[in-house]
Amino acid sequence: MEEKQYLVDALSIEESWRIFRIMAEFVDAIETLSKLKHSVTIFGSAQVRPDDPY
């Protein structure tokens, strides 16, 4: 029977640390965003006038 090799087994040490750095960036971003209260995000090409209350 052929032994299966998982993707994790093929990662080098450098790649593993890179993944941890990316995960840390996500954690930092989530912590920063969690401090924002009553905020709105607009995605896409929608534009709002500078004098628009929203």
PDB file of N, CA and C in Angstrom:
ATOM      1  N   MET A   1       0.842  -1.177   0.000  1.00  0.00           N
ATOM      2  CA  MET A   1       0.000   0.000   0.000  1.00  0.00           C
ATOM      3  C   MET A   1       0.893   1.249   0.000  1.00  0.00           C
ATOM      4  N   GLU A   2       0.545   2.197  -0.839  1.00  0.00           N
ATOM      5  CA  GLU A   2       1.326   3.429  -0.949  1.00  0.00           C
ATOM      6  C   GLU A   2       0.958   4.385   0.184  1.00  0.00           C
ATOM      7  N   GLU A   3       1.987   4.949   0.823  1.00  0.00           N
ATOM      8  CA  GLU A   3       1.746   5.882   1.926  1.00  0.00           C
ATOM      9  C   GLU A   3       1.394   7.260   1.374  1.00  0.00           C
ATOM     10  N   LYS A   4       0.350   7.863   1.915  1.00  0.00           N
ATOM     11  CA  LYS A   4      -0.068   9.187   1.470  1.00  0.00           C
ATOM     12  C   LYS A   4       0.813  10.252   2.114  1.00  0.00           C
ATOM     13  N   GLN A   5       1.155  11.263   1.325  1.00  0.00           N
ATOM     14  CA  GLN A   5       1.913  12.386   1.861  1.00  0.00           C
ATOM     15  C   GLN A   5       0.984  13.594   1.903  1.00  0.00           C
ATOM     16  N   TYR A   6       0.898  14.201   3.054  1.00  0.00           N
ATOM     17  CA  TYR A   6       0.040  15.360   3.215  1.00  0.00           C
ATOM     18  C   TYR A   6       0.815  16.631   2.897  1.00  0.00           C
ATOM     19  N   LEU A   7       0.087  17.658   2.523  1.00  0.00           N
ATOM     20  CA  LEU A   7       0.708  18.932   2.172  1.00  0.00           C
ATOM     21  C   LEU A   7       1.536  19.481   3.330  1.00  0.00           C
ATOM     22  N   VAL A   8       1.057  19.318   4.545  1.00  0.00           N
ATOM     23  CA  VAL A   8       1.773  19.823   5.713  1.00  0.00           C
ATOM     24  C   VAL A   8       3.148  19.175   5.814  1.00  0.00           C
ATOM     25  N   ASP A   9       3.257  17.923   5.445  1.00  0.00           N
ATOM     26  CA  ASP A   9       4.540  17.230   5.502  1.00  0.00           C
ATOM     27  C   ASP A   9       5.556  17.835   4.543  1.00  0.00           C
ATOM     28  N   ALA A  10       5.076  18.454   3.477  1.00  0.00           N
ATOM     29  CA  ALA A  10       5.973  18.985   2.461  1.00  0.00           C
ATOM     30  C   ALA A  10       6.429  20.415   2.761  1.00  0.00           C
ATOM     31  N   LEU A  11       5.896  21.038   3.819  1.00  0.00           N
ATOM     32  CA  LEU A  11       6.262  22.419   4.137  1.00  0.00           C
ATOM     33  C   LEU A  11       7.665  22.483   4.732  1.00  0.00           C
ATOM     34  N   SER A  12       8.401  23.493   4.325  1.00  0.00           N
ATOM     35  CA  SER A  12       9.714  23.706   4.921  1.00  0.00           C
ATOM     36  C   SER A  12       9.557  24.547   6.187  1.00  0.00           C
ATOM     37  N   ILE A  13      10.621  24.677   6.942  1.00  0.00           N
ATOM     38  CA  ILE A  13      10.596  25.489   8.163  1.00  0.00           C
ATOM     39  C   ILE A  13      10.251  26.935   7.829  1.00  0.00           C
ATOM     40  N   GLU A  14      10.840  27.464   6.758  1.00  0.00           N
ATOM     41  CA  GLU A  14      10.577  28.849   6.369  1.00  0.00           C
ATOM     42  C   GLU A  14       9.107  29.056   6.005  1.00  0.00           C
ATOM     43  N   GLU A  15       8.543  28.099   5.295  1.00  0.00           N
ATOM     44  CA  GLU A  15       7.130  28.200   4.915  1.00  0.00           C
ATOM     45  C   GLU A  15       6.234  28.137   6.144  1.00  0.00           C
ATOM     46  N   SER A  16       6.594  27.306   7.104  1.00  0.00           N
ATOM     47  CA  SER A  16       5.808  27.204   8.332  1.00  0.00           C
ATOM     48  C   SER A  16       5.804  28.528   9.077  1.00  0.00           C
ATOM     49  N   TRP A  17       6.968  29.173   9.203  1.00  0.00           N
ATOM     50  CA  TRP A  17       7.038  30.468   9.892  1.00  0.00           C
ATOM     51  C   TRP A  17       6.299  31.539   9.104  1.00  0.00           C
ATOM     52  N   ARG A  18       6.322  31.447   7.795  1.00  0.00           N
ATOM     53  CA  ARG A  18       5.583  32.418   6.969  1.00  0.00           C
ATOM     54  C   ARG A  18       4.086  32.305   7.250  1.00  0.00           C
ATOM     55  N   ILE A  19       3.592  31.091   7.369  1.00  0.00           N
ATOM     56  CA  ILE A  19       2.178  30.879   7.682  1.00  0.00           C
ATOM     57  C   ILE A  19       1.844  31.492   9.040  1.00  0.00           C
ATOM     58  N   PHE A  20       2.725  31.310  10.029  1.00  0.00           N
ATOM     59  CA  PHE A  20       2.483  31.900  11.350  1.00  0.00           C
ATOM     60  C   PHE A  20       2.468  33.423  11.294  1.00  0.00           C
ATOM     61  N   ARG A  21       3.346  34.014  10.474  1.00  0.00           N
ATOM     62  CA  ARG A  21       3.356  35.481  10.343  1.00  0.00           C
ATOM     63  C   ARG A  21       2.054  35.973   9.718  1.00  0.00           C
ATOM     64  N   ILE A  22       1.573  35.266   8.716  1.00  0.00           N
ATOM     65  CA  ILE A  22       0.305  35.644   8.075  1.00  0.00           C
ATOM     66  C   ILE A  22      -0.842  35.515   9.078  1.00  0.00           C
ATOM     67  N   MET A  23      -0.847  34.436   9.851  1.00  0.00           N
ATOM     68  CA  MET A  23      -1.883  34.263  10.866  1.00  0.00           C
ATOM     69  C   MET A  23      -1.824  35.392  11.891  1.00  0.00           C
ATOM     70  N   ALA A  24      -0.617  35.804  12.275  1.00  0.00           N
ATOM     71  CA  ALA A  24      -0.459  36.901  13.236  1.00  0.00           C
ATOM     72  C   ALA A  24      -1.017  38.198  12.672  1.00  0.00           C
ATOM     73  N   GLU A  25      -0.835  38.429  11.377  1.00  0.00           N
ATOM     74  CA  GLU A  25      -1.395  39.627  10.752  1.00  0.00           C
ATOM     75  C   GLU A  25      -2.920  39.601  10.815  1.00  0.00           C
ATOM     76  N   PHE A  26      -3.522  38.438  10.592  1.00  0.00           N
ATOM     77  CA  PHE A  26      -4.978  38.322  10.698  1.00  0.00           C
ATOM     78  C   PHE A  26      -5.440  38.612  12.125  1.00  0.00           C
ATOM     79  N   VAL A  27      -4.726  38.075  13.110  1.00  0.00           N
ATOM     80  CA  VAL A  27      -5.093  38.306  14.508  1.00  0.00           C
ATOM     81  C   VAL A  27      -5.003  39.791  14.832  1.00  0.00           C
ATOM     82  N   ASP A  28      -3.918  40.447  14.416  1.00  0.00           N
ATOM     83  CA  ASP A  28      -3.769  41.888  14.653  1.00  0.00           C
ATOM     84  C   ASP A  28      -4.896  42.673  14.000  1.00  0.00           C
ATOM     85  N   ALA A  29      -5.236  42.315  12.775  1.00  0.00           N
ATOM     86  CA  ALA A  29      -6.299  43.025  12.055  1.00  0.00           C
ATOM     87  C   ALA A  29      -7.644  42.839  12.745  1.00  0.00           C
ATOM     88  N   ILE A  30      -7.940  41.632  13.173  1.00  0.00           N
ATOM     89  CA  ILE A  30      -9.217  41.369  13.841  1.00  0.00           C
ATOM     90  C   ILE A  30      -9.290  42.120  15.161  1.00  0.00           C
ATOM     91  N   GLU A  31      -8.185  42.149  15.915  1.00  0.00           N
ATOM     92  CA  GLU A  31      -8.174  42.898  17.174  1.00  0.00           C
ATOM     93  C   GLU A  31      -8.380  44.385  16.924  1.00  0.00           C
ATOM     94  N   THR A  32      -7.743  44.920  15.894  1.00  0.00           N
ATOM     95  CA  THR A  32      -7.897  46.336  15.563  1.00  0.00           C
ATOM     96  C   THR A  32      -9.325  46.636  15.137  1.00  0.00           C
ATOM     97  N   LEU A  33      -9.880  45.813  14.270  1.00  0.00           N
ATOM     98  CA  LEU A  33     -11.243  46.039  13.791  1.00  0.00           C
ATOM     99  C   LEU A  33     -12.280  45.863  14.897  1.00  0.00           C
ATOM    100  N   SER A  34     -12.005  45.010  15.860  1.00  0.00           N
ATOM    101  CA  SER A  34     -12.975  44.788  16.937  1.00  0.00           C
ATOM    102  C   SER A  34     -13.123  46.013  17.826  1.00  0.00           C
ATOM    103  N   LYS A  35     -12.149  46.913  17.796  1.00  0.00           N
ATOM    104  CA  LYS A  35     -12.207  48.138  18.600  1.00  0.00           C
ATOM    105  C   LYS A  35     -13.066  49.215  17.945  1.00  0.00           C
ATOM    106  N   LEU A  36     -13.358  49.056  16.665  1.00  0.00           N
ATOM    107  CA  LEU A  36     -14.184  50.038  15.964  1.00  0.00           C
ATOM    108  C   LEU A  36     -15.649  49.795  16.294  1.00  0.00           C
ATOM    109  N   LYS A  37     -16.318  50.839  16.694  1.00  0.00           N
ATOM    110  CA  LYS A  37     -17.741  50.733  17.020  1.00  0.00           C
ATOM    111  C   LYS A  37     -18.547  51.543  16.015  1.00  0.00           C
ATOM    112  N   HIS A  38     -19.699  51.056  15.662  1.00  0.00           N
ATOM    113  CA  HIS A  38     -20.633  51.765  14.786  1.00  0.00           C
ATOM    114  C   HIS A  38     -19.950  52.227  13.502  1.00  0.00           C
ATOM    115  N   SER A  39     -19.432  51.314  12.762  1.00  0.00           N
ATOM    116  CA  SER A  39     -18.744  51.654  11.518  1.00  0.00           C
ATOM    117  C   SER A  39     -19.435  50.983  10.334  1.00  0.00           C
ATOM    118  N   VAL A  40     -19.197  51.551   9.166  1.00  0.00           N
ATOM    119  CA  VAL A  40     -19.780  51.045   7.927  1.00  0.00           C
ATOM    120  C   VAL A  40     -18.654  50.863   6.923  1.00  0.00           C
ATOM    121  N   THR A  41     -18.701  49.772   6.195  1.00  0.00           N
ATOM    122  CA  THR A  41     -17.732  49.526   5.143  1.00  0.00           C
ATOM    123  C   THR A  41     -18.475  49.441   3.823  1.00  0.00           C
ATOM    124  N   ILE A  42     -17.958  50.142   2.818  1.00  0.00           N
ATOM    125  CA  ILE A  42     -18.572  50.128   1.491  1.00  0.00           C
ATOM    126  C   ILE A  42     -17.607  49.435   0.542  1.00  0.00           C
ATOM    127  N   PHE A  43     -18.059  48.339  -0.063  1.00  0.00           N
ATOM    128  CA  PHE A  43     -17.241  47.609  -1.016  1.00  0.00           C
ATOM    129  C   PHE A  43     -17.699  47.936  -2.434  1.00  0.00           C
ATOM    130  N   GLY A  44     -16.807  47.808  -3.347  1.00  0.00           N
ATOM    131  CA  GLY A  44     -17.166  48.008  -4.746  1.00  0.00           C
ATOM    132  C   GLY A  44     -16.833  49.409  -5.215  1.00  0.00           C
ATOM    133  N   SER A  45     -17.491  49.821  -6.272  1.00  0.00           N
ATOM    134  CA  SER A  45     -17.173  51.111  -6.875  1.00  0.00           C
ATOM    135  C   SER A  45     -18.133  52.210  -6.431  1.00  0.00           C
ATOM    136  N   ALA A  46     -18.904  51.962  -5.371  1.00  0.00           N
ATOM    137  CA  ALA A  46     -19.837  52.982  -4.886  1.00  0.00           C
ATOM    138  C   ALA A  46     -19.058  54.197  -4.387  1.00  0.00           C
ATOM    139  N   GLN A  47     -19.555  55.369  -4.722  1.00  0.00           N
ATOM    140  CA  GLN A  47     -18.901  56.597  -4.278  1.00  0.00           C
ATOM    141  C   GLN A  47     -19.892  57.420  -3.473  1.00  0.00           C
ATOM    142  N   VAL A  48     -19.394  58.049  -2.437  1.00  0.00           N
ATOM    143  CA  VAL A  48     -20.214  58.882  -1.573  1.00  0.00           C
ATOM    144  C   VAL A  48     -19.672  60.301  -1.644  1.00  0.00           C
ATOM    145  N   ARG A  49     -20.584  61.258  -1.737  1.00  0.00           N
ATOM    146  CA  ARG A  49     -20.163  62.660  -1.776  1.00  0.00           C
ATOM    147  C   ARG A  49     -19.559  63.054  -0.427  1.00  0.00           C
ATOM    148  N   PRO A  50     -18.624  63.984  -0.416  1.00  0.00           N
ATOM    149  CA  PRO A  50     -18.009  64.414   0.847  1.00  0.00           C
ATOM    150  C   PRO A  50     -19.025  64.979   1.843  1.00  0.00           C
ATOM    151  N   ASP A  51     -20.113  65.589   1.361  1.00  0.00           N
ATOM    152  CA  ASP A  51     -21.102  66.176   2.269  1.00  0.00           C
ATOM    153  C   ASP A  51     -22.224  65.195   2.630  1.00  0.00           C
ATOM    154  N   ASP A  52     -22.136  63.961   2.184  1.00  0.00           N
ATOM    155  CA  ASP A  52     -23.153  62.959   2.490  1.00  0.00           C
ATOM    156  C   ASP A  52     -23.041  62.571   3.973  1.00  0.00           C
ATOM    157  N   PRO A  53     -24.156  62.568   4.715  1.00  0.00           N
ATOM    158  CA  PRO A  53     -24.077  62.233   6.143  1.00  0.00           C
ATOM    159  C   PRO A  53     -23.720  60.770   6.408  1.00  0.00           C
ATOM    160  N   TYR A  54     -23.811  59.928   5.394  1.00  0.00           N
ATOM    161  CA  TYR A  54     -23.481  58.519   5.575  1.00  0.00           C
ATOM    162  C   TYR A  54     -22.236  58.153   4.825  1.00  0.00           C
TER     163      TYR A  54
END
